Amino acid sequence: MQNGEDGKAGAGAERRRHERAPLLHSGSLHQNDDVVDCVIKDISASGARLMMERRIAEQDNFILDIDGVGLFPSRIVWQREGQAGIRFLNDPHTVQSWISAAWGRDTVRV
């Protein structure tokens, strides 16, 4: 686990690079020919917390397709009990601009 993104409240949240904003939005994870539906629970310029029905391989990169927003190259940071923390592979400023365009300027900050 890196950057304290272990899904726990408290000290872990203080180590995150970017503030997370609560969200409830549908998406899907695309890894090779495999697709897993998910719900984005919170998001930041550097990553997100997802709810999903099953685990995906942690060693590979994948694409998070956020419905109506776009495609976010990503990597799994942690997984457990139907949830996962992901890190976006794009520059946080780029991700912030995509998120701001979709949900408004005050959603996340770099």
Protein backbone atom coordinates (compact mmCIF):
# COMPACT_ATOMS: atom_id res chain seq x y z
CA MET A 1 0.00 0.00 0.00
CA GLN A 2 1.20 3.48 -0.75
CA ASN A 3 0.28 6.98 0.28
CA GLY A 4 -1.88 5.70 3.12
CA GLU A 5 -4.61 4.66 0.70
CA ASP A 6 -5.61 1.66 2.75
CA GLY A 7 -9.27 2.60 3.00
CA LYS A 8 -9.04 3.26 6.76
CA ALA A 9 -9.98 6.49 8.44
CA GLY A 10 -7.53 8.34 10.63
CA ALA A 11 -3.79 8.55 10.06
CA GLY A 12 -4.00 6.91 6.62
CA ALA A 13 -6.23 9.66 5.29
CA GLU A 14 -3.70 12.29 6.37
CA ARG A 15 -0.97 10.74 4.18
CA ARG A 16 -2.96 10.98 0.94
CA ARG A 17 -1.49 13.33 -1.62
CA HIS A 18 -4.85 14.78 -2.68
CA GLU A 19 -8.10 15.41 -0.88
CA ARG A 20 -10.88 12.97 -1.75
CA ALA A 21 -14.42 14.04 -2.57
CA PRO A 22 -17.39 11.74 -1.90
CA LEU A 23 -19.08 10.48 -5.03
CA LEU A 24 -21.60 7.86 -6.10
CA HIS A 25 -21.13 7.22 -9.81
CA SER A 26 -21.09 4.13 -12.01
CA GLY A 27 -18.15 2.91 -14.01
CA SER A 28 -16.38 -0.20 -15.23
CA LEU A 29 -12.88 -1.63 -15.05
CA HIS A 30 -11.40 -2.88 -18.33
CA GLN A 31 -8.44 -5.22 -18.16
CA ASN A 32 -7.58 -7.03 -21.39
CA ASP A 33 -10.91 -8.65 -22.40
CA ASP A 34 -12.29 -8.63 -18.84
CA VAL A 35 -14.85 -6.01 -17.73
CA VAL A 36 -15.96 -5.52 -14.11
CA ASP A 37 -18.73 -3.08 -13.23
CA CYS A 38 -18.07 -0.80 -10.27
CA VAL A 39 -19.34 2.19 -8.30
CA ILE A 40 -16.97 5.07 -7.55
CA LYS A 41 -17.41 5.95 -3.85
CA ASP A 42 -14.90 8.78 -3.67
CA ILE A 43 -12.37 10.38 -6.00
CA SER A 44 -9.31 12.61 -5.95
CA ALA A 45 -6.83 13.89 -8.52
CA SER A 46 -4.63 10.86 -7.81
CA GLY A 47 -7.09 8.00 -7.26
CA ALA A 48 -10.46 6.67 -6.19
CA ARG A 49 -12.20 4.15 -3.95
CA LEU A 50 -14.43 1.68 -5.78
CA MET A 51 -17.06 -0.87 -4.86
CA MET A 52 -17.04 -3.94 -7.09
CA GLU A 53 -18.43 -7.45 -7.11
CA ARG A 54 -15.13 -9.29 -7.52
CA ARG A 55 -11.38 -8.82 -7.31
CA ILE A 56 -9.23 -8.04 -10.30
CA ALA A 57 -5.56 -8.86 -10.84
CA GLU A 58 -3.44 -6.36 -8.92
CA GLN A 59 -0.27 -6.71 -10.96
CA ASP A 60 -1.71 -5.27 -14.16
CA ASN A 61 -2.79 -1.80 -15.17
CA PHE A 62 -6.37 -1.32 -16.29
CA ILE A 63 -8.71 1.37 -17.59
CA LEU A 64 -11.41 2.83 -15.34
CA ASP A 65 -14.26 3.93 -17.61
CA ILE A 66 -16.30 6.46 -15.64
CA ASP A 67 -19.73 6.69 -17.27
CA GLY A 68 -20.14 10.01 -19.06
CA VAL A 69 -16.69 11.27 -18.00
CA GLY A 70 -13.95 9.30 -19.74
CA LEU A 71 -11.20 6.70 -19.52
CA PHE A 72 -8.69 6.76 -16.66
CA PRO A 73 -5.58 4.52 -16.89
CA SER A 74 -5.19 3.12 -13.36
CA ARG A 75 -3.57 0.58 -11.04
CA ILE A 76 -4.97 -1.24 -7.98
CA VAL A 77 -3.36 -0.13 -4.69
CA TRP A 78 -5.46 -2.28 -2.33
CA GLN A 79 -8.48 -4.62 -2.42
CA ARG A 80 -10.72 -6.21 0.22
CA GLU A 81 -14.36 -7.04 0.92
CA GLY A 82 -15.84 -5.72 -2.32
CA GLN A 83 -13.82 -2.51 -2.33
CA ALA A 84 -10.62 -1.35 -3.98
CA GLY A 85 -8.38 1.68 -3.88
CA ILE A 86 -6.92 2.71 -7.22
CA ARG A 87 -4.23 5.13 -8.30
CA PHE A 88 -4.63 7.05 -11.55
CA LEU A 89 -1.60 6.81 -13.84
CA ASN A 90 -2.15 10.21 -15.47
CA ASP A 91 -0.75 13.43 -14.06
CA PRO A 92 -2.98 14.70 -11.19
CA HIS A 93 -3.46 18.07 -12.92
CA THR A 94 -4.82 16.29 -16.01
CA VAL A 95 -7.14 14.12 -13.90
CA GLN A 96 -8.32 17.16 -11.96
CA SER A 97 -9.27 18.92 -15.20
CA TRP A 98 -11.29 15.89 -16.36
CA ILE A 99 -13.06 15.60 -13.02
CA SER A 100 -13.73 19.34 -12.83
CA ALA A 101 -15.22 19.30 -16.32
CA ALA A 102 -17.56 16.47 -15.32
CA TRP A 103 -18.60 17.45 -11.78
CA GLY A 104 -17.58 21.05 -11.24
CA ARG A 105 -14.47 22.90 -10.20
CA ASP A 106 -14.82 22.32 -6.45
CA THR A 107 -14.98 18.51 -6.62
CA VAL A 108 -11.26 17.80 -6.17
CA ARG A 109 -8.07 19.81 -5.71
CA VAL A 110 -4.47 19.09 -6.62
